[in-house]
Amino acid sequence: MSYENDVMSLIIAAGEGRSCAMEALRFAKAGSFAEAEASLKVSDDAFRQAHEVQTRLIGLDEGVGKLQITLVMVHAQDHLMTGMLCRELVTELIEVYKKME
């Protein structure tokens, strides 16, 4: 895979992970906890895929700046970080909704 394809794969997987986490929150708000858990599973799978791409890129860079850092790469890393934070917060909110039920 090329560097550009890896970066785009990272953005796509992180975006899918975030979208599925938000879908899970909507399900939980509606009291559909089984569907919420299913969406969280898809979110987890997407973030796992994104993390695999990130790990591959880190390995190629070897911590010494072998890879060119572009604005798109910074965007991809930001997308992943904020998506993973969203996933963590959604998990906590779902637990709150369950307790309210």
PDB file of N, CA and C in Angstrom:
ATOM      1  N   MET A   1       0.848  -1.188   0.000  1.00  0.00           N
ATOM      2  CA  MET A   1       0.000   0.000   0.000  1.00  0.00           C
ATOM      3  C   MET A   1       0.889   1.245   0.000  1.00  0.00           C
ATOM      4  N   SER A   2       0.494   2.272  -0.711  1.00  0.00           N
ATOM      5  CA  SER A   2       1.277   3.499  -0.747  1.00  0.00           C
ATOM      6  C   SER A   2       0.988   4.339   0.498  1.00  0.00           C
ATOM      7  N   TYR A   3       1.880   5.257   0.758  1.00  0.00           N
ATOM      8  CA  TYR A   3       1.726   6.154   1.902  1.00  0.00           C
ATOM      9  C   TYR A   3       0.388   6.893   1.842  1.00  0.00           C
ATOM     10  N   GLU A   4       0.049   7.417   0.680  1.00  0.00           N
ATOM     11  CA  GLU A   4      -1.199   8.162   0.520  1.00  0.00           C
ATOM     12  C   GLU A   4      -2.413   7.269   0.778  1.00  0.00           C
ATOM     13  N   ASN A   5      -2.353   6.042   0.287  1.00  0.00           N
ATOM     14  CA  ASN A   5      -3.456   5.113   0.528  1.00  0.00           C
ATOM     15  C   ASN A   5      -3.576   4.767   2.013  1.00  0.00           C
ATOM     16  N   ASP A   6      -2.437   4.587   2.677  1.00  0.00           N
ATOM     17  CA  ASP A   6      -2.457   4.316   4.106  1.00  0.00           C
ATOM     18  C   ASP A   6      -3.096   5.467   4.873  1.00  0.00           C
ATOM     19  N   VAL A   7      -2.721   6.680   4.521  1.00  0.00           N
ATOM     20  CA  VAL A   7      -3.271   7.852   5.212  1.00  0.00           C
ATOM     21  C   VAL A   7      -4.784   7.939   4.976  1.00  0.00           C
ATOM     22  N   MET A   8      -5.215   7.712   3.752  1.00  0.00           N
ATOM     23  CA  MET A   8      -6.652   7.763   3.476  1.00  0.00           C
ATOM     24  C   MET A   8      -7.387   6.627   4.182  1.00  0.00           C
ATOM     25  N   SER A   9      -6.777   5.455   4.251  1.00  0.00           N
ATOM     26  CA  SER A   9      -7.380   4.331   4.976  1.00  0.00           C
ATOM     27  C   SER A   9      -7.545   4.664   6.448  1.00  0.00           C
ATOM     28  N   LEU A  10      -6.563   5.352   7.000  1.00  0.00           N
ATOM     29  CA  LEU A  10      -6.621   5.775   8.399  1.00  0.00           C
ATOM     30  C   LEU A  10      -7.786   6.732   8.620  1.00  0.00           C
ATOM     31  N   ILE A  11      -7.944   7.697   7.734  1.00  0.00           N
ATOM     32  CA  ILE A  11      -9.045   8.663   7.845  1.00  0.00           C
ATOM     33  C   ILE A  11     -10.397   7.955   7.723  1.00  0.00           C
ATOM     34  N   ILE A  12     -10.528   7.077   6.760  1.00  0.00           N
ATOM     35  CA  ILE A  12     -11.799   6.383   6.531  1.00  0.00           C
ATOM     36  C   ILE A  12     -12.164   5.492   7.706  1.00  0.00           C
ATOM     37  N   ALA A  13     -11.217   4.711   8.189  1.00  0.00           N
ATOM     38  CA  ALA A  13     -11.501   3.807   9.306  1.00  0.00           C
ATOM     39  C   ALA A  13     -11.824   4.589  10.581  1.00  0.00           C
ATOM     40  N   ALA A  14     -11.084   5.666  10.832  1.00  0.00           N
ATOM     41  CA  ALA A  14     -11.362   6.484  12.013  1.00  0.00           C
ATOM     42  C   ALA A  14     -12.740   7.135  11.909  1.00  0.00           C
ATOM     43  N   GLY A  15     -13.094   7.598  10.728  1.00  0.00           N
ATOM     44  CA  GLY A  15     -14.410   8.193  10.529  1.00  0.00           C
ATOM     45  C   GLY A  15     -15.528   7.184  10.718  1.00  0.00           C
ATOM     46  N   GLU A  16     -15.320   5.962  10.239  1.00  0.00           N
ATOM     47  CA  GLU A  16     -16.329   4.919  10.432  1.00  0.00           C
ATOM     48  C   GLU A  16     -16.467   4.578  11.916  1.00  0.00           C
ATOM     49  N   GLY A  17     -15.337   4.508  12.606  1.00  0.00           N
ATOM     50  CA  GLY A  17     -15.389   4.213  14.037  1.00  0.00           C
ATOM     51  C   GLY A  17     -16.158   5.263  14.811  1.00  0.00           C
ATOM     52  N   ARG A  18     -15.915   6.516  14.483  1.00  0.00           N
ATOM     53  CA  ARG A  18     -16.629   7.610  15.161  1.00  0.00           C
ATOM     54  C   ARG A  18     -18.117   7.588  14.812  1.00  0.00           C
ATOM     55  N   SER A  19     -18.433   7.415  13.550  1.00  0.00           N
ATOM     56  CA  SER A  19     -19.839   7.393  13.124  1.00  0.00           C
ATOM     57  C   SER A  19     -20.608   6.264  13.794  1.00  0.00           C
ATOM     58  N   CYS A  20     -19.998   5.103  13.881  1.00  0.00           N
ATOM     59  CA  CYS A  20     -20.669   3.965  14.520  1.00  0.00           C
ATOM     60  C   CYS A  20     -20.821   4.195  16.020  1.00  0.00           C
ATOM     61  N   ALA A  21     -19.871   4.860  16.643  1.00  0.00           N
ATOM     62  CA  ALA A  21     -19.996   5.187  18.063  1.00  0.00           C
ATOM     63  C   ALA A  21     -21.168   6.138  18.281  1.00  0.00           C
ATOM     64  N   MET A  22     -21.297   7.133  17.423  1.00  0.00           N
ATOM     65  CA  MET A  22     -22.416   8.063  17.563  1.00  0.00           C
ATOM     66  C   MET A  22     -23.746   7.376  17.276  1.00  0.00           C
ATOM     67  N   GLU A  23     -23.755   6.436  16.346  1.00  0.00           N
ATOM     68  CA  GLU A  23     -24.953   5.651  16.079  1.00  0.00           C
ATOM     69  C   GLU A  23     -25.329   4.853  17.335  1.00  0.00           C
ATOM     70  N   ALA A  24     -24.344   4.288  17.997  1.00  0.00           N
ATOM     71  CA  ALA A  24     -24.587   3.539  19.233  1.00  0.00           C
ATOM     72  C   ALA A  24     -25.213   4.436  20.294  1.00  0.00           C
ATOM     73  N   LEU A  25     -24.746   5.657  20.386  1.00  0.00           N
ATOM     74  CA  LEU A  25     -25.319   6.593  21.354  1.00  0.00           C
ATOM     75  C   LEU A  25     -26.783   6.882  21.034  1.00  0.00           C
ATOM     76  N   ARG A  26     -27.093   7.064  19.754  1.00  0.00           N
ATOM     77  CA  ARG A  26     -28.499   7.299  19.362  1.00  0.00           C
ATOM     78  C   ARG A  26     -29.375   6.102  19.720  1.00  0.00           C
ATOM     79  N   PHE A  27     -28.852   4.890  19.501  1.00  0.00           N
ATOM     80  CA  PHE A  27     -29.599   3.698  19.889  1.00  0.00           C
ATOM     81  C   PHE A  27     -29.827   3.665  21.398  1.00  0.00           C
ATOM     82  N   ALA A  28     -28.801   3.977  22.159  1.00  0.00           N
ATOM     83  CA  ALA A  28     -28.927   3.952  23.618  1.00  0.00           C
ATOM     84  C   ALA A  28     -29.934   4.989  24.100  1.00  0.00           C
ATOM     85  N   LYS A  29     -29.921   6.154  23.499  1.00  0.00           N
ATOM     86  CA  LYS A  29     -30.887   7.197  23.882  1.00  0.00           C
ATOM     87  C   LYS A  29     -32.317   6.714  23.661  1.00  0.00           C
ATOM     88  N   ALA A  30     -32.501   5.874  22.657  1.00  0.00           N
ATOM     89  CA  ALA A  30     -33.826   5.345  22.342  1.00  0.00           C
ATOM     90  C   ALA A  30     -34.140   4.082  23.161  1.00  0.00           C
ATOM     91  N   GLY A  31     -33.196   3.658  23.998  1.00  0.00           N
ATOM     92  CA  GLY A  31     -33.407   2.466  24.816  1.00  0.00           C
ATOM     93  C   GLY A  31     -33.123   1.159  24.103  1.00  0.00           C
ATOM     94  N   SER A  32     -32.512   1.230  22.927  1.00  0.00           N
ATOM     95  CA  SER A  32     -32.191   0.032  22.132  1.00  0.00           C
ATOM     96  C   SER A  32     -30.749  -0.387  22.415  1.00  0.00           C
ATOM     97  N   PHE A  33     -30.543  -1.011  23.561  1.00  0.00           N
ATOM     98  CA  PHE A  33     -29.189  -1.297  24.006  1.00  0.00           C
ATOM     99  C   PHE A  33     -28.509  -2.420  23.230  1.00  0.00           C
ATOM    100  N   ALA A  34     -29.258  -3.381  22.744  1.00  0.00           N
ATOM    101  CA  ALA A  34     -28.653  -4.442  21.926  1.00  0.00           C
ATOM    102  C   ALA A  34     -28.089  -3.854  20.632  1.00  0.00           C
ATOM    103  N   GLU A  35     -28.852  -2.954  20.017  1.00  0.00           N
ATOM    104  CA  GLU A  35     -28.372  -2.293  18.801  1.00  0.00           C
ATOM    105  C   GLU A  35     -27.182  -1.391  19.100  1.00  0.00           C
ATOM    106  N   ALA A  36     -27.213  -0.739  20.260  1.00  0.00           N
ATOM    107  CA  ALA A  36     -26.092   0.114  20.660  1.00  0.00           C
ATOM    108  C   ALA A  36     -24.822  -0.717  20.790  1.00  0.00           C
ATOM    109  N   GLU A  37     -24.926  -1.871  21.415  1.00  0.00           N
ATOM    110  CA  GLU A  37     -23.750  -2.743  21.570  1.00  0.00           C
ATOM    111  C   GLU A  37     -23.246  -3.231  20.222  1.00  0.00           C
ATOM    112  N   ALA A  38     -24.162  -3.535  19.311  1.00  0.00           N
ATOM    113  CA  ALA A  38     -23.755  -3.967  17.972  1.00  0.00           C
ATOM    114  C   ALA A  38     -23.003  -2.855  17.236  1.00  0.00           C
ATOM    115  N   SER A  39     -23.482  -1.633  17.372  1.00  0.00           N
ATOM    116  CA  SER A  39     -22.797  -0.498  16.737  1.00  0.00           C
ATOM    117  C   SER A  39     -21.428  -0.266  17.361  1.00  0.00           C
ATOM    118  N   LEU A  40     -21.331  -0.455  18.670  1.00  0.00           N
ATOM    119  CA  LEU A  40     -20.028  -0.313  19.334  1.00  0.00           C
ATOM    120  C   LEU A  40     -19.041  -1.365  18.834  1.00  0.00           C
ATOM    121  N   LYS A  41     -19.531  -2.559  18.545  1.00  0.00           N
ATOM    122  CA  LYS A  41     -18.669  -3.623  18.023  1.00  0.00           C
ATOM    123  C   LYS A  41     -18.124  -3.226  16.656  1.00  0.00           C
ATOM    124  N   VAL A  42     -18.984  -2.678  15.815  1.00  0.00           N
ATOM    125  CA  VAL A  42     -18.523  -2.224  14.490  1.00  0.00           C
ATOM    126  C   VAL A  42     -17.525  -1.086  14.663  1.00  0.00           C
ATOM    127  N   SER A  43     -17.793  -0.192  15.610  1.00  0.00           N
ATOM    128  CA  SER A  43     -16.872   0.905  15.908  1.00  0.00           C
ATOM    129  C   SER A  43     -15.512   0.364  16.329  1.00  0.00           C
ATOM    130  N   ASP A  44     -15.527  -0.612  17.218  1.00  0.00           N
ATOM    131  CA  ASP A  44     -14.271  -1.218  17.672  1.00  0.00           C
ATOM    132  C   ASP A  44     -13.487  -1.816  16.511  1.00  0.00           C
ATOM    133  N   ASP A  45     -14.186  -2.502  15.625  1.00  0.00           N
ATOM    134  CA  ASP A  45     -13.526  -3.113  14.470  1.00  0.00           C
ATOM    135  C   ASP A  45     -12.883  -2.048  13.583  1.00  0.00           C
ATOM    136  N   ALA A  46     -13.586  -0.954  13.366  1.00  0.00           N
ATOM    137  CA  ALA A  46     -13.044   0.128  12.535  1.00  0.00           C
ATOM    138  C   ALA A  46     -11.815   0.751  13.188  1.00  0.00           C
ATOM    139  N   PHE A  47     -11.885   0.987  14.490  1.00  0.00           N
ATOM    140  CA  PHE A  47     -10.723   1.567  15.170  1.00  0.00           C
ATOM    141  C   PHE A  47      -9.549   0.594  15.212  1.00  0.00           C
ATOM    142  N   ARG A  48      -9.829  -0.687  15.293  1.00  0.00           N
ATOM    143  CA  ARG A  48      -8.757  -1.682  15.244  1.00  0.00           C
ATOM    144  C   ARG A  48      -8.057  -1.620  13.888  1.00  0.00           C
ATOM    145  N   GLN A  49      -8.851  -1.503  12.842  1.00  0.00           N
ATOM    146  CA  GLN A  49      -8.284  -1.390  11.496  1.00  0.00           C
ATOM    147  C   GLN A  49      -7.437  -0.112  11.379  1.00  0.00           C
ATOM    148  N   ALA A  50      -7.963   0.987  11.886  1.00  0.00           N
ATOM    149  CA  ALA A  50      -7.217   2.255  11.838  1.00  0.00           C
ATOM    150  C   ALA A  50      -5.912   2.136  12.622  1.00  0.00           C
ATOM    151  N   HIS A  51      -5.977   1.490  13.766  1.00  0.00           N
ATOM    152  CA  HIS A  51      -4.773   1.340  14.592  1.00  0.00           C
ATOM    153  C   HIS A  51      -3.728   0.475  13.892  1.00  0.00           C
ATOM    154  N   GLU A  52      -4.172  -0.527  13.152  1.00  0.00           N
ATOM    155  CA  GLU A  52      -3.236  -1.354  12.392  1.00  0.00           C
ATOM    156  C   GLU A  52      -2.502  -0.526  11.335  1.00  0.00           C
ATOM    157  N   VAL A  53      -3.233   0.349  10.661  1.00  0.00           N
ATOM    158  CA  VAL A  53      -2.606   1.226   9.661  1.00  0.00           C
ATOM    159  C   VAL A  53      -1.627   2.167  10.361  1.00  0.00           C
ATOM    160  N   GLN A  54      -2.053   2.751  11.455  1.00  0.00           N
ATOM    161  CA  GLN A  54      -1.188   3.664  12.202  1.00  0.00           C
ATOM    162  C   GLN A  54       0.089   2.953  12.651  1.00  0.00           C
ATOM    163  N   THR A  55      -0.055   1.752  13.152  1.00  0.00           N
ATOM    164  CA  THR A  55       1.104   0.984  13.610  1.00  0.00           C
ATOM    165  C   THR A  55       2.057   0.695  12.457  1.00  0.00           C
ATOM    166  N   ARG A  56       1.501   0.356  11.288  1.00  0.00           N
ATOM    167  CA  ARG A  56       2.335   0.119  10.112  1.00  0.00           C
ATOM    168  C   ARG A  56       3.118   1.382   9.737  1.00  0.00           C
ATOM    169  N   LEU A  57       2.442   2.539   9.777  1.00  0.00           N
ATOM    170  CA  LEU A  57       3.115   3.796   9.440  1.00  0.00           C
ATOM    171  C   LEU A  57       4.207   4.133  10.457  1.00  0.00           C
ATOM    172  N   ILE A  58       3.921   3.899  11.716  1.00  0.00           N
ATOM    173  CA  ILE A  58       4.937   4.152  12.754  1.00  0.00           C
ATOM    174  C   ILE A  58       6.148   3.247  12.521  1.00  0.00           C
ATOM    175  N   GLY A  59       5.889   2.000  12.156  1.00  0.00           N
ATOM    176  CA  GLY A  59       6.983   1.074  11.873  1.00  0.00           C
ATOM    177  C   GLY A  59       7.823   1.523  10.688  1.00  0.00           C
ATOM    178  N   LEU A  60       7.182   2.035   9.665  1.00  0.00           N
ATOM    179  CA  LEU A  60       7.918   2.520   8.492  1.00  0.00           C
ATOM    180  C   LEU A  60       8.761   3.740   8.831  1.00  0.00           C
ATOM    181  N   ASP A  61       8.258   4.557   9.725  1.00  0.00           N
ATOM    182  CA  ASP A  61       8.965   5.778  10.109  1.00  0.00           C
ATOM    183  C   ASP A  61      10.157   5.474  11.019  1.00  0.00           C
ATOM    184  N   GLU A  62      10.054   4.418  11.789  1.00  0.00           N
ATOM    185  CA  GLU A  62      11.094   3.981  12.721  1.00  0.00           C
ATOM    186  C   GLU A  62      11.478   5.058  13.728  1.00  0.00           C
ATOM    187  N   GLY A  63      10.588   6.005  13.964  1.00  0.00           N
ATOM    188  CA  GLY A  63      10.846   7.032  14.969  1.00  0.00           C
ATOM    189  C   GLY A  63      11.946   8.017  14.617  1.00  0.00           C
ATOM    190  N   VAL A  64      12.345   8.012  13.383  1.00  0.00           N
ATOM    191  CA  VAL A  64      13.446   8.904  12.984  1.00  0.00           C
ATOM    192  C   VAL A  64      13.069   9.839  11.837  1.00  0.00           C
ATOM    193  N   GLY A  65      11.798   9.950  11.547  1.00  0.00           N
ATOM    194  CA  GLY A  65      11.362  10.896  10.524  1.00  0.00           C
ATOM    195  C   GLY A  65      11.552  10.433   9.101  1.00  0.00           C
ATOM    196  N   LYS A  66      11.463   9.127   8.866  1.00  0.00           N
ATOM    197  CA  LYS A  66      11.607   8.610   7.498  1.00  0.00           C
ATOM    198  C   LYS A  66      10.405   8.950   6.625  1.00  0.00           C
ATOM    199  N   LEU A  67       9.233   9.109   7.244  1.00  0.00           N
ATOM    200  CA  LEU A  67       8.036   9.445   6.482  1.00  0.00           C
ATOM    201  C   LEU A  67       7.805  10.949   6.481  1.00  0.00           C
ATOM    202  N   GLN A  68       7.361  11.437   5.346  1.00  0.00           N
ATOM    203  CA  GLN A  68       7.035  12.850   5.234  1.00  0.00           C
ATOM    204  C   GLN A  68       5.746  13.125   6.009  1.00  0.00           C
ATOM    205  N   ILE A  69       5.782  14.130   6.858  1.00  0.00           N
ATOM    206  CA  ILE A  69       4.590  14.525   7.602  1.00  0.00           C
ATOM    207  C   ILE A  69       3.879  15.600   6.788  1.00  0.00           C
ATOM    208  N   THR A  70       2.669  15.263   6.345  1.00  0.00           N
ATOM    209  CA  THR A  70       1.880  16.179   5.539  1.00  0.00           C
ATOM    210  C   THR A  70       0.679  16.650   6.349  1.00  0.00           C
ATOM    211  N   LEU A  71       0.029  17.663   5.859  1.00  0.00           N
ATOM    212  CA  LEU A  71      -1.179  18.142   6.517  1.00  0.00           C
ATOM    213  C   LEU A  71      -2.255  17.053   6.534  1.00  0.00           C
ATOM    214  N   VAL A  72      -2.310  16.248   5.490  1.00  0.00           N
ATOM    215  CA  VAL A  72      -3.285  15.160   5.440  1.00  0.00           C
ATOM    216  C   VAL A  72      -2.970  14.116   6.511  1.00  0.00           C
ATOM    217  N   MET A  73      -1.689  13.842   6.753  1.00  0.00           N
ATOM    218  CA  MET A  73      -1.316  12.898   7.807  1.00  0.00           C
ATOM    219  C   MET A  73      -1.690  13.455   9.179  1.00  0.00           C
ATOM    220  N   VAL A  74      -1.451  14.724   9.391  1.00  0.00           N
ATOM    221  CA  VAL A  74      -1.844  15.352  10.660  1.00  0.00           C
ATOM    222  C   VAL A  74      -3.355  15.256  10.823  1.00  0.00           C
ATOM    223  N   HIS A  75      -4.080  15.497   9.746  1.00  0.00           N
ATOM    224  CA  HIS A  75      -5.536  15.385   9.776  1.00  0.00           C
ATOM    225  C   HIS A  75      -5.955  13.959  10.124  1.00  0.00           C
ATOM    226  N   ALA A  76      -5.296  12.983   9.541  1.00  0.00           N
ATOM    227  CA  ALA A  76      -5.621  11.579   9.808  1.00  0.00           C
ATOM    228  C   ALA A  76      -5.395  11.247  11.278  1.00  0.00           C
ATOM    229  N   GLN A  77      -4.284  11.680  11.832  1.00  0.00           N
ATOM    230  CA  GLN A  77      -3.988  11.416  13.237  1.00  0.00           C
ATOM    231  C   GLN A  77      -5.006  12.113  14.138  1.00  0.00           C
ATOM    232  N   ASP A  78      -5.389  13.330  13.779  1.00  0.00           N
ATOM    233  CA  ASP A  78      -6.389  14.067  14.547  1.00  0.00           C
ATOM    234  C   ASP A  78      -7.733  13.353  14.486  1.00  0.00           C
ATOM    235  N   HIS A  79      -8.076  12.877  13.310  1.00  0.00           N
ATOM    236  CA  HIS A  79      -9.328  12.146  13.102  1.00  0.00           C
ATOM    237  C   HIS A  79      -9.364  10.901  13.991  1.00  0.00           C
ATOM    238  N   LEU A  80      -8.256  10.181  14.022  1.00  0.00           N
ATOM    239  CA  LEU A  80      -8.176   8.972  14.834  1.00  0.00           C
ATOM    240  C   LEU A  80      -8.273   9.297  16.318  1.00  0.00           C
ATOM    241  N   MET A  81      -7.524  10.282  16.761  1.00  0.00           N
ATOM    242  CA  MET A  81      -7.507  10.636  18.179  1.00  0.00           C
ATOM    243  C   MET A  81      -8.887  11.099  18.652  1.00  0.00           C
ATOM    244  N   THR A  82      -9.511  11.995  17.919  1.00  0.00           N
ATOM    245  CA  THR A  82     -10.817  12.496  18.353  1.00  0.00           C
ATOM    246  C   THR A  82     -11.886  11.415  18.242  1.00  0.00           C
ATOM    247  N   GLY A  83     -11.765  10.553  17.253  1.00  0.00           N
ATOM    248  CA  GLY A  83     -12.712   9.452  17.116  1.00  0.00           C
ATOM    249  C   GLY A  83     -12.616   8.473  18.275  1.00  0.00           C
ATOM    250  N   MET A  84     -11.397   8.162  18.681  1.00  0.00           N
ATOM    251  CA  MET A  84     -11.218   7.238  19.801  1.00  0.00           C
ATOM    252  C   MET A  84     -11.716   7.859  21.108  1.00  0.00           C
ATOM    253  N   LEU A  85     -11.504   9.148  21.272  1.00  0.00           N
ATOM    254  CA  LEU A  85     -12.027   9.833  22.455  1.00  0.00           C
ATOM    255  C   LEU A  85     -13.553   9.806  22.434  1.00  0.00           C
ATOM    256  N   CYS A  86     -14.133  10.053  21.283  1.00  0.00           N
ATOM    257  CA  CYS A  86     -15.590   9.993  21.132  1.00  0.00           C
ATOM    258  C   CYS A  86     -16.089   8.611  21.529  1.00  0.00           C
ATOM    259  N   ARG A  87     -15.425   7.576  21.070  1.00  0.00           N
ATOM    260  CA  ARG A  87     -15.814   6.195  21.374  1.00  0.00           C
ATOM    261  C   ARG A  87     -15.797   5.953  22.882  1.00  0.00           C
ATOM    262  N   GLU A  88     -14.779   6.418  23.555  1.00  0.00           N
ATOM    263  CA  GLU A  88     -14.686   6.248  25.008  1.00  0.00           C
ATOM    264  C   GLU A  88     -15.813   6.977  25.736  1.00  0.00           C
ATOM    265  N   LEU A  89     -16.096   8.204  25.325  1.00  0.00           N
ATOM    266  CA  LEU A  89     -17.158   8.967  25.965  1.00  0.00           C
ATOM    267  C   LEU A  89     -18.530   8.362  25.695  1.00  0.00           C
ATOM    268  N   VAL A  90     -18.748   7.872  24.487  1.00  0.00           N
ATOM    269  CA  VAL A  90     -20.020   7.232  24.155  1.00  0.00           C
ATOM    270  C   VAL A  90     -20.233   5.999  25.032  1.00  0.00           C
ATOM    271  N   THR A  91     -19.188   5.238  25.249  1.00  0.00           N
ATOM    272  CA  THR A  91     -19.299   4.062  26.113  1.00  0.00           C
ATOM    273  C   THR A  91     -19.768   4.458  27.506  1.00  0.00           C
ATOM    274  N   GLU A  92     -19.216   5.518  28.045  1.00  0.00           N
ATOM    275  CA  GLU A  92     -19.618   5.991  29.369  1.00  0.00           C
ATOM    276  C   GLU A  92     -21.066   6.491  29.363  1.00  0.00           C
ATOM    277  N   LEU A  93     -21.439   7.205  28.326  1.00  0.00           N
ATOM    278  CA  LEU A  93     -22.816   7.711  28.237  1.00  0.00           C
ATOM    279  C   LEU A  93     -23.827   6.577  28.110  1.00  0.00           C
ATOM    280  N   ILE A  94     -23.471   5.544  27.389  1.00  0.00           N
ATOM    281  CA  ILE A  94     -24.379   4.403  27.271  1.00  0.00           C
ATOM    282  C   ILE A  94     -24.602   3.774  28.639  1.00  0.00           C
ATOM    283  N   GLU A  95     -23.570   3.685  29.441  1.00  0.00           N
ATOM    284  CA  GLU A  95     -23.730   3.147  30.792  1.00  0.00           C
ATOM    285  C   GLU A  95     -24.677   4.027  31.619  1.00  0.00           C
ATOM    286  N   VAL A  96     -24.603   5.317  31.430  1.00  0.00           N
ATOM    287  CA  VAL A  96     -25.515   6.233  32.129  1.00  0.00           C
ATOM    288  C   VAL A  96     -26.952   5.979  31.672  1.00  0.00           C
ATOM    289  N   TYR A  97     -27.145   5.839  30.360  1.00  0.00           N
ATOM    290  CA  TYR A  97     -28.494   5.567  29.843  1.00  0.00           C
ATOM    291  C   TYR A  97     -29.029   4.237  30.374  1.00  0.00           C
ATOM    292  N   LYS A  98     -28.168   3.244  30.479  1.00  0.00           N
ATOM    293  CA  LYS A  98     -28.605   1.959  31.020  1.00  0.00           C
ATOM    294  C   LYS A  98     -29.067   2.097  32.475  1.00  0.00           C
ATOM    295  N   LYS A  99     -28.353   2.875  33.250  1.00  0.00           N
ATOM    296  CA  LYS A  99     -28.723   3.063  34.653  1.00  0.00           C
ATOM    297  C   LYS A  99     -30.025   3.856  34.789  1.00  0.00           C
ATOM    298  N   MET A 100     -30.278   4.736  33.851  1.00  0.00           N
ATOM    299  CA  MET A 100     -31.503   5.523  33.875  1.00  0.00           C
ATOM    300  C   MET A 100     -32.720   4.689  33.467  1.00  0.00           C
ATOM    301  N   GLU A 101     -32.490   3.651  32.717  1.00  0.00           N
ATOM    302  CA  GLU A 101     -33.568   2.816  32.170  1.00  0.00           C
ATOM    303  C   GLU A 101     -34.349   2.112  33.272  1.00  0.00           C
TER     304      GLU A 101
END
